[in-house]
Full PDB file with SEQRES, HELIX, SHEET, SSBOND, CRYST1, ORIGX, SCALE, CONECT and MASTER records, all heavy atoms in Angstrom:
SEQRES   1 A   30  SER SER PRO ASN LYS ILE GLN MET GLU VAL GLN VAL GLN          
SEQRES   2 A   30  ALA PHE ALA TYR GLN THR ASN ASP ASP ILE ASN SER MET          
SEQRES   3 A   30  THR PHE GLN ARG                                              
HELIX    1 AA1 ASP A   22  SER A   25  5                                   4    
SHEET    1 AA1 2 ALA A  14  PHE A  15  0                                        
SHEET    2 AA1 2 PHE A  28  GLN A  29 -1                                        
CRYST1    1.000    1.000    1.000  90.00  90.00  90.00 P 1           1          
ORIGX1      1.000000  0.000000  0.000000        0.00000                         
ORIGX2      0.000000  1.000000  0.000000        0.00000                         
ORIGX3      0.000000  0.000000  1.000000        0.00000                         
SCALE1      1.000000  0.000000  0.000000        0.00000                         
SCALE2      0.000000  1.000000  0.000000        0.00000                         
SCALE3      0.000000  0.000000  1.000000        0.00000                         
ATOM      1  N   SER A   1     -13.338  18.356  -5.422  1.00  0.00           N  
ATOM      2  CA  SER A   1     -13.570  19.803  -5.605  1.00  0.00           C  
ATOM      3  C   SER A   1     -13.066  20.611  -4.422  1.00  0.00           C  
ATOM      4  O   SER A   1     -13.509  21.741  -4.193  1.00  0.00           O  
ATOM      5  CB  SER A   1     -15.057  20.101  -5.839  1.00  0.00           C  
ATOM      6  OG  SER A   1     -15.523  19.453  -6.999  1.00  0.00           O  
ATOM      7  N   SER A   2     -12.132  20.057  -3.661  1.00  0.00           N  
ATOM      8  CA  SER A   2     -11.562  20.791  -2.532  1.00  0.00           C  
ATOM      9  C   SER A   2     -10.668  21.910  -3.042  1.00  0.00           C  
ATOM     10  O   SER A   2      -9.723  21.664  -3.802  1.00  0.00           O  
ATOM     11  CB  SER A   2     -10.744  19.850  -1.641  1.00  0.00           C  
ATOM     12  OG  SER A   2     -10.108  20.575  -0.610  1.00  0.00           O  
ATOM     13  N   PRO A   3     -10.907  23.163  -2.643  1.00  0.00           N  
ATOM     14  CA  PRO A   3     -10.079  24.269  -3.128  1.00  0.00           C  
ATOM     15  C   PRO A   3      -8.727  24.353  -2.430  1.00  0.00           C  
ATOM     16  O   PRO A   3      -7.827  25.042  -2.912  1.00  0.00           O  
ATOM     17  CB  PRO A   3     -10.931  25.502  -2.816  1.00  0.00           C  
ATOM     18  CG  PRO A   3     -11.730  25.100  -1.609  1.00  0.00           C  
ATOM     19  CD  PRO A   3     -12.014  23.631  -1.785  1.00  0.00           C  
ATOM     20  N   ASN A   4      -8.583  23.690  -1.299  1.00  0.00           N  
ATOM     21  CA  ASN A   4      -7.362  23.788  -0.500  1.00  0.00           C  
ATOM     22  C   ASN A   4      -6.551  22.509  -0.605  1.00  0.00           C  
ATOM     23  O   ASN A   4      -7.025  21.431  -0.245  1.00  0.00           O  
ATOM     24  CB  ASN A   4      -7.712  24.045   0.970  1.00  0.00           C  
ATOM     25  CG  ASN A   4      -8.520  25.313   1.158  1.00  0.00           C  
ATOM     26  OD1 ASN A   4      -8.214  26.343   0.563  1.00  0.00           O  
ATOM     27  ND2 ASN A   4      -9.563  25.240   1.974  1.00  0.00           N  
ATOM     28  N   LYS A   5      -5.340  22.634  -1.096  1.00  0.00           N  
ATOM     29  CA  LYS A   5      -4.448  21.480  -1.211  1.00  0.00           C  
ATOM     30  C   LYS A   5      -3.758  21.229   0.123  1.00  0.00           C  
ATOM     31  O   LYS A   5      -3.340  22.169   0.806  1.00  0.00           O  
ATOM     32  CB  LYS A   5      -3.419  21.728  -2.310  1.00  0.00           C  
ATOM     33  CG  LYS A   5      -4.039  21.923  -3.691  1.00  0.00           C  
ATOM     34  CD  LYS A   5      -3.017  22.346  -4.716  1.00  0.00           C  
ATOM     35  CE  LYS A   5      -3.675  22.575  -6.078  1.00  0.00           C  
ATOM     36  NZ  LYS A   5      -2.708  23.070  -7.088  1.00  0.00           N  
ATOM     37  N   ILE A   6      -3.633  19.971   0.471  1.00  0.00           N  
ATOM     38  CA  ILE A   6      -2.940  19.624   1.713  1.00  0.00           C  
ATOM     39  C   ILE A   6      -1.436  19.825   1.552  1.00  0.00           C  
ATOM     40  O   ILE A   6      -0.741  20.177   2.467  1.00  0.00           O  
ATOM     41  CB  ILE A   6      -3.232  18.162   2.115  1.00  0.00           C  
ATOM     42  CG1 ILE A   6      -4.734  17.937   2.272  1.00  0.00           C  
ATOM     43  CG2 ILE A   6      -2.503  17.816   3.412  1.00  0.00           C  
ATOM     44  CD1 ILE A   6      -5.102  16.489   2.536  1.00  0.00           C  
ATOM     45  N   GLN A   7      -0.926  19.595   0.344  1.00  0.00           N  
ATOM     46  CA  GLN A   7       0.507  19.542   0.046  1.00  0.00           C  
ATOM     47  C   GLN A   7       1.141  18.346   0.763  1.00  0.00           C  
ATOM     48  O   GLN A   7       2.171  18.437   1.408  1.00  0.00           O  
ATOM     49  CB  GLN A   7       1.204  20.849   0.409  1.00  0.00           C  
ATOM     50  CG  GLN A   7       0.752  22.032  -0.457  1.00  0.00           C  
ATOM     51  CD  GLN A   7       1.417  23.324  -0.088  1.00  0.00           C  
ATOM     52  OE1 GLN A   7       1.103  23.909   0.943  1.00  0.00           O  
ATOM     53  NE2 GLN A   7       2.360  23.775  -0.906  1.00  0.00           N  
ATOM     54  N   MET A   8       0.465  17.213   0.623  1.00  0.00           N  
ATOM     55  CA  MET A   8       0.916  15.971   1.226  1.00  0.00           C  
ATOM     56  C   MET A   8       1.627  15.119   0.184  1.00  0.00           C  
ATOM     57  O   MET A   8       1.137  14.941  -0.929  1.00  0.00           O  
ATOM     58  CB  MET A   8      -0.260  15.183   1.799  1.00  0.00           C  
ATOM     59  CG  MET A   8       0.142  13.968   2.628  1.00  0.00           C  
ATOM     60  SD  MET A   8       0.778  14.443   4.253  1.00  0.00           S  
ATOM     61  CE  MET A   8      -0.765  14.745   5.132  1.00  0.00           C  
ATOM     62  N   GLU A   9       2.796  14.635   0.556  1.00  0.00           N  
ATOM     63  CA  GLU A   9       3.530  13.674  -0.265  1.00  0.00           C  
ATOM     64  C   GLU A   9       3.289  12.283   0.304  1.00  0.00           C  
ATOM     65  O   GLU A   9       3.420  12.074   1.515  1.00  0.00           O  
ATOM     66  CB  GLU A   9       5.018  14.002  -0.260  1.00  0.00           C  
ATOM     67  CG  GLU A   9       5.882  13.039  -1.061  1.00  0.00           C  
ATOM     68  CD  GLU A   9       7.347  13.429  -1.038  1.00  0.00           C  
ATOM     69  OE1 GLU A   9       7.643  14.647  -1.189  1.00  0.00           O  
ATOM     70  OE2 GLU A   9       8.196  12.535  -0.835  1.00  0.00           O  
ATOM     71  N   VAL A  10       2.934  11.354  -0.550  1.00  0.00           N  
ATOM     72  CA  VAL A  10       2.605   9.990  -0.129  1.00  0.00           C  
ATOM     73  C   VAL A  10       3.583   9.025  -0.789  1.00  0.00           C  
ATOM     74  O   VAL A  10       3.637   8.926  -2.019  1.00  0.00           O  
ATOM     75  CB  VAL A  10       1.158   9.624  -0.511  1.00  0.00           C  
ATOM     76  CG1 VAL A  10       0.816   8.229   0.016  1.00  0.00           C  
ATOM     77  CG2 VAL A  10       0.172  10.658   0.025  1.00  0.00           C  
ATOM     78  N   GLN A  11       4.375   8.349   0.015  1.00  0.00           N  
ATOM     79  CA  GLN A  11       5.307   7.337  -0.478  1.00  0.00           C  
ATOM     80  C   GLN A  11       4.753   5.956  -0.126  1.00  0.00           C  
ATOM     81  O   GLN A  11       4.418   5.697   1.024  1.00  0.00           O  
ATOM     82  CB  GLN A  11       6.691   7.525   0.150  1.00  0.00           C  
ATOM     83  CG  GLN A  11       7.316   8.880  -0.142  1.00  0.00           C  
ATOM     84  CD  GLN A  11       8.693   9.032   0.487  1.00  0.00           C  
ATOM     85  OE1 GLN A  11       9.265   8.066   1.019  1.00  0.00           O  
ATOM     86  NE2 GLN A  11       9.249  10.236   0.433  1.00  0.00           N  
ATOM     87  N   VAL A  12       4.653   5.090  -1.131  1.00  0.00           N  
ATOM     88  CA  VAL A  12       4.016   3.793  -0.942  1.00  0.00           C  
ATOM     89  C   VAL A  12       4.988   2.669  -1.294  1.00  0.00           C  
ATOM     90  O   VAL A  12       5.668   2.723  -2.317  1.00  0.00           O  
ATOM     91  CB  VAL A  12       2.749   3.646  -1.815  1.00  0.00           C  
ATOM     92  CG1 VAL A  12       1.955   2.417  -1.384  1.00  0.00           C  
ATOM     93  CG2 VAL A  12       1.889   4.899  -1.768  1.00  0.00           C  
ATOM     94  N   GLN A  13       5.043   1.674  -0.447  1.00  0.00           N  
ATOM     95  CA  GLN A  13       5.717   0.419  -0.765  1.00  0.00           C  
ATOM     96  C   GLN A  13       4.683  -0.695  -0.694  1.00  0.00           C  
ATOM     97  O   GLN A  13       4.104  -0.953   0.371  1.00  0.00           O  
ATOM     98  CB  GLN A  13       6.864   0.139   0.208  1.00  0.00           C  
ATOM     99  CG  GLN A  13       8.131   0.922  -0.092  1.00  0.00           C  
ATOM    100  CD  GLN A  13       9.264   0.577   0.851  1.00  0.00           C  
ATOM    101  OE1 GLN A  13       9.245   0.957   2.012  1.00  0.00           O  
ATOM    102  NE2 GLN A  13      10.254  -0.138   0.362  1.00  0.00           N  
ATOM    103  N   ALA A  14       4.417  -1.322  -1.838  1.00  0.00           N  
ATOM    104  CA  ALA A  14       3.558  -2.502  -1.885  1.00  0.00           C  
ATOM    105  C   ALA A  14       4.466  -3.727  -1.936  1.00  0.00           C  
ATOM    106  O   ALA A  14       5.477  -3.724  -2.638  1.00  0.00           O  
ATOM    107  CB  ALA A  14       2.648  -2.455  -3.104  1.00  0.00           C  
ATOM    108  N   PHE A  15       4.099  -4.776  -1.199  1.00  0.00           N  
ATOM    109  CA  PHE A  15       4.958  -5.958  -1.184  1.00  0.00           C  
ATOM    110  C   PHE A  15       4.132  -7.205  -0.942  1.00  0.00           C  
ATOM    111  O   PHE A  15       2.988  -7.137  -0.468  1.00  0.00           O  
ATOM    112  CB  PHE A  15       6.081  -5.818  -0.146  1.00  0.00           C  
ATOM    113  CG  PHE A  15       5.638  -5.528   1.260  1.00  0.00           C  
ATOM    114  CD1 PHE A  15       5.619  -6.518   2.221  1.00  0.00           C  
ATOM    115  CD2 PHE A  15       5.270  -4.235   1.633  1.00  0.00           C  
ATOM    116  CE1 PHE A  15       5.234  -6.249   3.533  1.00  0.00           C  
ATOM    117  CE2 PHE A  15       4.886  -3.956   2.943  1.00  0.00           C  
ATOM    118  CZ  PHE A  15       4.856  -4.965   3.893  1.00  0.00           C  
ATOM    119  N   ALA A  16       4.714  -8.349  -1.280  1.00  0.00           N  
ATOM    120  CA  ALA A  16       4.020  -9.627  -1.142  1.00  0.00           C  
ATOM    121  C   ALA A  16       5.044 -10.749  -1.046  1.00  0.00           C  
ATOM    122  O   ALA A  16       6.218 -10.588  -1.399  1.00  0.00           O  
ATOM    123  CB  ALA A  16       3.081  -9.864  -2.325  1.00  0.00           C  
ATOM    124  N   TYR A  17       4.556 -11.903  -0.557  1.00  0.00           N  
ATOM    125  CA  TYR A  17       5.405 -13.070  -0.334  1.00  0.00           C  
ATOM    126  C   TYR A  17       4.825 -14.296  -1.026  1.00  0.00           C  
ATOM    127  O   TYR A  17       3.614 -14.489  -1.040  1.00  0.00           O  
ATOM    128  CB  TYR A  17       5.514 -13.376   1.169  1.00  0.00           C  
ATOM    129  CG  TYR A  17       6.084 -12.260   2.009  1.00  0.00           C  
ATOM    130  CD1 TYR A  17       5.262 -11.240   2.471  1.00  0.00           C  
ATOM    131  CD2 TYR A  17       7.429 -12.234   2.352  1.00  0.00           C  
ATOM    132  CE1 TYR A  17       5.768 -10.211   3.263  1.00  0.00           C  
ATOM    133  CE2 TYR A  17       7.945 -11.220   3.150  1.00  0.00           C  
ATOM    134  CZ  TYR A  17       7.112 -10.208   3.594  1.00  0.00           C  
ATOM    135  OH  TYR A  17       7.608  -9.195   4.372  1.00  0.00           O  
ATOM    136  N   GLN A  18       5.708 -15.129  -1.559  1.00  0.00           N  
ATOM    137  CA  GLN A  18       5.326 -16.460  -2.054  1.00  0.00           C  
ATOM    138  C   GLN A  18       5.515 -17.452  -0.912  1.00  0.00           C  
ATOM    139  O   GLN A  18       6.634 -17.663  -0.441  1.00  0.00           O  
ATOM    140  CB  GLN A  18       6.211 -16.877  -3.231  1.00  0.00           C  
ATOM    141  CG  GLN A  18       5.825 -16.284  -4.566  1.00  0.00           C  
ATOM    142  CD  GLN A  18       6.729 -16.808  -5.675  1.00  0.00           C  
ATOM    143  OE1 GLN A  18       7.934 -16.923  -5.513  1.00  0.00           O  
ATOM    144  NE2 GLN A  18       6.134 -17.140  -6.803  1.00  0.00           N  
ATOM    145  N   THR A  19       4.417 -18.051  -0.456  1.00  0.00           N  
ATOM    146  CA  THR A  19       4.496 -18.971   0.672  1.00  0.00           C  
ATOM    147  C   THR A  19       3.577 -20.163   0.418  1.00  0.00           C  
ATOM    148  O   THR A  19       2.857 -20.223  -0.579  1.00  0.00           O  
ATOM    149  CB  THR A  19       4.062 -18.284   1.982  1.00  0.00           C  
ATOM    150  OG1 THR A  19       2.659 -17.983   1.905  1.00  0.00           O  
ATOM    151  CG2 THR A  19       4.831 -17.001   2.220  1.00  0.00           C  
ATOM    152  N   ASN A  20       3.595 -21.094   1.353  1.00  0.00           N  
ATOM    153  CA  ASN A  20       2.702 -22.253   1.292  1.00  0.00           C  
ATOM    154  C   ASN A  20       1.539 -22.131   2.260  1.00  0.00           C  
ATOM    155  O   ASN A  20       0.843 -23.117   2.521  1.00  0.00           O  
ATOM    156  CB  ASN A  20       3.496 -23.536   1.597  1.00  0.00           C  
ATOM    157  CG  ASN A  20       4.529 -23.836   0.526  1.00  0.00           C  
ATOM    158  OD1 ASN A  20       4.262 -23.658  -0.659  1.00  0.00           O  
ATOM    159  ND2 ASN A  20       5.714 -24.264   0.947  1.00  0.00           N  
ATOM    160  N   ASP A  21       1.321 -20.930   2.817  1.00  0.00           N  
ATOM    161  CA  ASP A  21       0.222 -20.727   3.760  1.00  0.00           C  
ATOM    162  C   ASP A  21      -0.650 -19.571   3.284  1.00  0.00           C  
ATOM    163  O   ASP A  21      -0.566 -19.141   2.137  1.00  0.00           O  
ATOM    164  CB  ASP A  21       0.759 -20.497   5.170  1.00  0.00           C  
ATOM    165  CG  ASP A  21       1.739 -19.315   5.234  1.00  0.00           C  
ATOM    166  OD1 ASP A  21       1.730 -18.468   4.320  1.00  0.00           O  
ATOM    167  OD2 ASP A  21       2.511 -19.237   6.214  1.00  0.00           O  
ATOM    168  N   ASP A  22      -1.483 -19.026   4.181  1.00  0.00           N  
ATOM    169  CA  ASP A  22      -2.441 -17.987   3.795  1.00  0.00           C  
ATOM    170  C   ASP A  22      -1.781 -16.694   3.341  1.00  0.00           C  
ATOM    171  O   ASP A  22      -2.397 -15.893   2.628  1.00  0.00           O  
ATOM    172  CB  ASP A  22      -3.381 -17.683   4.959  1.00  0.00           C  
ATOM    173  CG  ASP A  22      -4.375 -18.806   5.211  1.00  0.00           C  
ATOM    174  OD1 ASP A  22      -4.599 -19.600   4.279  1.00  0.00           O  
ATOM    175  OD2 ASP A  22      -4.925 -18.896   6.329  1.00  0.00           O  
ATOM    176  N   ILE A  23      -0.532 -16.457   3.745  1.00  0.00           N  
ATOM    177  CA  ILE A  23       0.152 -15.235   3.321  1.00  0.00           C  
ATOM    178  C   ILE A  23       0.313 -15.210   1.802  1.00  0.00           C  
ATOM    179  O   ILE A  23       0.437 -14.136   1.206  1.00  0.00           O  
ATOM    180  CB  ILE A  23       1.517 -15.127   4.042  1.00  0.00           C  
ATOM    181  CG1 ILE A  23       1.291 -14.930   5.547  1.00  0.00           C  
ATOM    182  CG2 ILE A  23       2.351 -13.980   3.489  1.00  0.00           C  
ATOM    183  CD1 ILE A  23       2.556 -14.918   6.366  1.00  0.00           C  
ATOM    184  N   ASN A  24       0.261 -16.370   1.175  1.00  0.00           N  
ATOM    185  CA  ASN A  24       0.349 -16.440  -0.285  1.00  0.00           C  
ATOM    186  C   ASN A  24      -0.847 -15.775  -0.967  1.00  0.00           C  
ATOM    187  O   ASN A  24      -0.789 -15.449  -2.153  1.00  0.00           O  
ATOM    188  CB  ASN A  24       0.444 -17.903  -0.731  1.00  0.00           C  
ATOM    189  CG  ASN A  24       0.957 -18.050  -2.141  1.00  0.00           C  
ATOM    190  OD1 ASN A  24       1.998 -17.493  -2.496  1.00  0.00           O  
ATOM    191  ND2 ASN A  24       0.232 -18.785  -2.963  1.00  0.00           N  
ATOM    192  N   SER A  25      -1.929 -15.561  -0.225  1.00  0.00           N  
ATOM    193  CA  SER A  25      -3.119 -14.898  -0.773  1.00  0.00           C  
ATOM    194  C   SER A  25      -3.305 -13.504  -0.177  1.00  0.00           C  
ATOM    195  O   SER A  25      -4.417 -12.993  -0.102  1.00  0.00           O  
ATOM    196  CB  SER A  25      -4.368 -15.748  -0.523  1.00  0.00           C  
ATOM    197  OG  SER A  25      -4.328 -16.946  -1.265  1.00  0.00           O  
ATOM    198  N   MET A  26      -2.198 -12.880   0.257  1.00  0.00           N  
ATOM    199  CA  MET A  26      -2.240 -11.540   0.840  1.00  0.00           C  
ATOM    200  C   MET A  26      -1.327 -10.598   0.071  1.00  0.00           C  
ATOM    201  O   MET A  26      -0.328 -11.021  -0.514  1.00  0.00           O  
ATOM    202  CB  MET A  26      -1.769 -11.563   2.298  1.00  0.00           C  
ATOM    203  CG  MET A  26      -2.600 -12.403   3.236  1.00  0.00           C  
ATOM    204  SD  MET A  26      -1.921 -12.336   4.916  1.00  0.00           S  
ATOM    205  CE  MET A  26      -2.950 -13.547   5.732  1.00  0.00           C  
ATOM    206  N   THR A  27      -1.680  -9.321   0.083  1.00  0.00           N  
ATOM    207  CA  THR A  27      -0.784  -8.264  -0.367  1.00  0.00           C  
ATOM    208  C   THR A  27      -0.717  -7.208   0.732  1.00  0.00           C  
ATOM    209  O   THR A  27      -1.626  -7.081   1.547  1.00  0.00           O  
ATOM    210  CB  THR A  27      -1.257  -7.617  -1.675  1.00  0.00           C  
ATOM    211  OG1 THR A  27      -2.548  -7.024  -1.478  1.00  0.00           O  
ATOM    212  CG2 THR A  27      -1.345  -8.650  -2.799  1.00  0.00           C  
ATOM    213  N   PHE A  28       0.382  -6.452   0.736  1.00  0.00           N  
ATOM    214  CA  PHE A  28       0.634  -5.482   1.796  1.00  0.00           C  
ATOM    215  C   PHE A  28       1.001  -4.132   1.181  1.00  0.00           C  
ATOM    216  O   PHE A  28       1.621  -4.072   0.119  1.00  0.00           O  
ATOM    217  CB  PHE A  28       1.783  -5.949   2.697  1.00  0.00           C  
ATOM    218  CG  PHE A  28       1.554  -7.291   3.330  1.00  0.00           C  
ATOM    219  CD1 PHE A  28       1.858  -8.464   2.646  1.00  0.00           C  
ATOM    220  CD2 PHE A  28       1.034  -7.387   4.615  1.00  0.00           C  
ATOM    221  CE1 PHE A  28       1.640  -9.712   3.224  1.00  0.00           C  
ATOM    222  CE2 PHE A  28       0.824  -8.629   5.196  1.00  0.00           C  
ATOM    223  CZ  PHE A  28       1.123  -9.789   4.500  1.00  0.00           C  
ATOM    224  N   GLN A  29       0.650  -3.065   1.892  1.00  0.00           N  
ATOM    225  CA  GLN A  29       1.048  -1.720   1.481  1.00  0.00           C  
ATOM    226  C   GLN A  29       1.478  -0.933   2.705  1.00  0.00           C  
ATOM    227  O   GLN A  29       0.823  -0.983   3.749  1.00  0.00           O  
ATOM    228  CB  GLN A  29      -0.105  -0.980   0.782  1.00  0.00           C  
ATOM    229  CG  GLN A  29      -0.479  -1.582  -0.563  1.00  0.00           C  
ATOM    230  CD  GLN A  29      -1.589  -0.826  -1.262  1.00  0.00           C  
ATOM    231  OE1 GLN A  29      -2.113   0.155  -0.738  1.00  0.00           O  
ATOM    232  NE2 GLN A  29      -1.956  -1.270  -2.441  1.00  0.00           N  
ATOM    233  N   ARG A  30       2.581  -0.213   2.573  1.00  0.00           N  
ATOM    234  CA  ARG A  30       3.075   0.654   3.637  1.00  0.00           C  
ATOM    235  C   ARG A  30       3.060   2.087   3.127  1.00  0.00           C  
ATOM    236  O   ARG A  30       3.574   2.376   2.049  1.00  0.00           O  
ATOM    237  CB  ARG A  30       4.495   0.277   4.040  1.00  0.00           C  
ATOM    238  CG  ARG A  30       5.054   1.183   5.123  1.00  0.00           C  
ATOM    239  CD  ARG A  30       6.551   0.959   5.342  1.00  0.00           C  
ATOM    240  NE  ARG A  30       7.064   1.828   6.398  1.00  0.00           N  
ATOM    241  CZ  ARG A  30       7.442   3.086   6.210  1.00  0.00           C  
ATOM    242  NH1 ARG A  30       7.366   3.626   5.004  1.00  0.00           N  
ATOM    243  NH2 ARG A  30       7.889   3.822   7.204  1.00  0.00           N  
TER     244      ARG A  30                                                      
MASTER        0    0    0    1    2    0    0    6  243    1    0    3          
END                                                                             
């Protein structure tokens, strides 16, 4: 219910890796 818009643009890159270690159970967002 905020009456004031920030006028913010948000660009997102989500990425992930197939690995044989713990990174295989992680996701990333920039």
